[in-house]
């Protein structure tokens, strides 16, 4: 996001469960908030009876930090990263981002 939201957010992170197609977007003031957002998403999935088995990411620093790694390990969730500069490997997430950014511009 290049513009600041009314609530002061400069960034967003989107998590999507490929099985249920459940999507959750979190708006953040700092990229350091990703681990808290991921924890919220995982708790929401667990509370609805869904088990997340794997997280696929683009390997950004906000996603591969020690806090996120320990959260995933504690939850028994494996982590996988797509190769750099290959958005095709994470096509569902890339499409979600295009949808979100497209709606933002409406």
Protein backbone atom coordinates (compact mmCIF):
# COMPACT_ATOMS: atom_id res chain seq x y z
CA UNK A 1 0.00 0.00 0.00
CA UNK A 2 1.40 3.38 -0.90
CA UNK A 3 -1.23 5.49 0.81
CA UNK A 4 -2.10 5.56 4.48
CA UNK A 5 -5.59 4.37 5.41
CA UNK A 6 -8.04 6.35 7.52
CA UNK A 7 -7.01 4.19 10.48
CA UNK A 8 -3.32 4.94 9.91
CA UNK A 9 -2.37 1.64 8.26
CA UNK A 10 0.37 1.70 5.65
CA UNK A 11 0.56 -2.05 5.01
CA UNK A 12 -1.67 -5.07 4.75
CA UNK A 13 -1.21 -8.80 4.92
CA UNK A 14 -3.65 -11.32 3.49
CA UNK A 15 -3.99 -14.92 4.63
CA UNK A 16 -6.08 -17.39 2.66
CA UNK A 17 -7.01 -20.96 3.43
CA UNK A 18 -6.82 -22.73 0.06
CA UNK A 19 -9.14 -25.51 1.25
CA UNK A 20 -12.05 -23.39 2.51
CA UNK A 21 -11.20 -20.24 0.48
CA UNK A 22 -11.53 -18.25 3.72
CA UNK A 23 -9.62 -14.99 3.34
CA UNK A 24 -8.62 -12.60 6.10
CA UNK A 25 -6.98 -9.24 5.46
CA UNK A 26 -5.23 -7.37 8.25
CA UNK A 27 -4.22 -3.73 7.96
CA UNK A 28 -1.04 -2.76 9.77
CA UNK A 29 0.92 0.36 10.65
CA UNK A 30 4.16 -1.63 10.66
CA UNK A 31 5.33 -4.83 9.00
CA UNK A 32 6.38 -6.01 12.47
CA UNK A 33 2.70 -6.77 13.15
CA UNK A 34 2.62 -9.76 10.76
CA UNK A 35 3.27 -12.33 13.49
CA UNK A 36 0.37 -11.01 15.59
CA UNK A 37 -1.90 -11.09 12.52
CA UNK A 38 -0.83 -14.64 11.68
CA UNK A 39 -1.52 -15.75 15.24
CA UNK A 40 -5.01 -14.22 15.05
CA UNK A 41 -5.68 -15.94 11.71
CA UNK A 42 -4.52 -19.32 13.04
CA UNK A 43 -6.69 -18.95 16.15
CA UNK A 44 -9.72 -18.05 14.02
CA UNK A 45 -9.15 -21.11 11.83
CA UNK A 46 -8.74 -23.34 14.88
CA UNK A 47 -11.91 -21.94 16.50
CA UNK A 48 -13.92 -22.80 13.39
CA UNK A 49 -12.59 -26.37 13.37
CA UNK A 50 -10.07 -25.98 10.55
CA UNK A 51 -6.48 -27.13 10.75
CA UNK A 52 -3.84 -25.18 8.88
CA UNK A 53 -1.10 -27.60 7.85
CA UNK A 54 1.26 -25.41 5.85
CA UNK A 55 1.99 -21.75 5.26
CA UNK A 56 3.32 -20.73 1.85
CA UNK A 57 4.94 -17.31 1.62
CA UNK A 58 7.11 -15.26 -0.69
CA UNK A 59 9.98 -15.31 1.80
CA UNK A 60 9.70 -11.66 2.84
CA UNK A 61 11.58 -10.71 5.99
CA UNK A 62 8.36 -10.01 7.85
CA UNK A 63 7.27 -13.63 7.33
CA UNK A 64 10.51 -15.53 7.92
CA UNK A 65 11.50 -13.97 11.24
CA UNK A 66 12.07 -15.95 14.44
CA UNK A 67 8.72 -14.96 15.97
CA UNK A 68 6.76 -16.36 13.03
CA UNK A 69 8.95 -19.46 12.87
CA UNK A 70 8.40 -20.25 16.55
CA UNK A 71 4.64 -19.61 16.23
CA UNK A 72 4.43 -22.08 13.34
CA UNK A 73 6.58 -24.66 15.13
CA UNK A 74 4.48 -24.35 18.29
CA UNK A 75 1.33 -24.87 16.20
CA UNK A 76 2.78 -27.83 14.27
CA UNK A 77 2.52 -25.99 10.95
CA UNK A 78 5.15 -26.36 8.26
CA UNK A 79 6.47 -23.36 6.37
CA UNK A 80 7.35 -23.23 2.69
CA UNK A 81 8.70 -20.35 0.61
CA UNK A 82 8.33 -19.73 -3.08
CA UNK A 83 11.51 -19.06 -5.03
CA UNK A 84 12.50 -15.41 -5.47
CA UNK A 85 10.96 -13.66 -8.49
CA UNK A 86 8.59 -16.56 -9.26
CA UNK A 87 5.09 -15.34 -8.39
CA UNK A 88 3.67 -18.33 -10.33
CA UNK A 89 4.64 -20.58 -7.40
CA UNK A 90 2.25 -18.68 -5.14
CA UNK A 91 -0.42 -17.84 -7.69
CA UNK A 92 -3.41 -17.87 -5.33
CA UNK A 93 -1.81 -15.28 -3.05
CA UNK A 94 -0.68 -13.15 -5.99
CA UNK A 95 -4.23 -13.14 -7.35
CA UNK A 96 -5.61 -12.18 -3.93
CA UNK A 97 -3.21 -9.24 -3.80
CA UNK A 98 -4.28 -8.06 -7.26
CA UNK A 99 -7.93 -8.29 -6.19
CA UNK A 100 -7.31 -6.31 -3.00
CA UNK A 101 -5.26 -3.60 -4.69
CA UNK A 102 -7.81 -3.37 -7.52
CA UNK A 103 -10.65 -2.84 -5.06
CA UNK A 104 -8.63 -0.25 -3.18
CA UNK A 105 -8.46 1.87 -6.33
CA UNK A 106 -12.24 1.91 -6.85
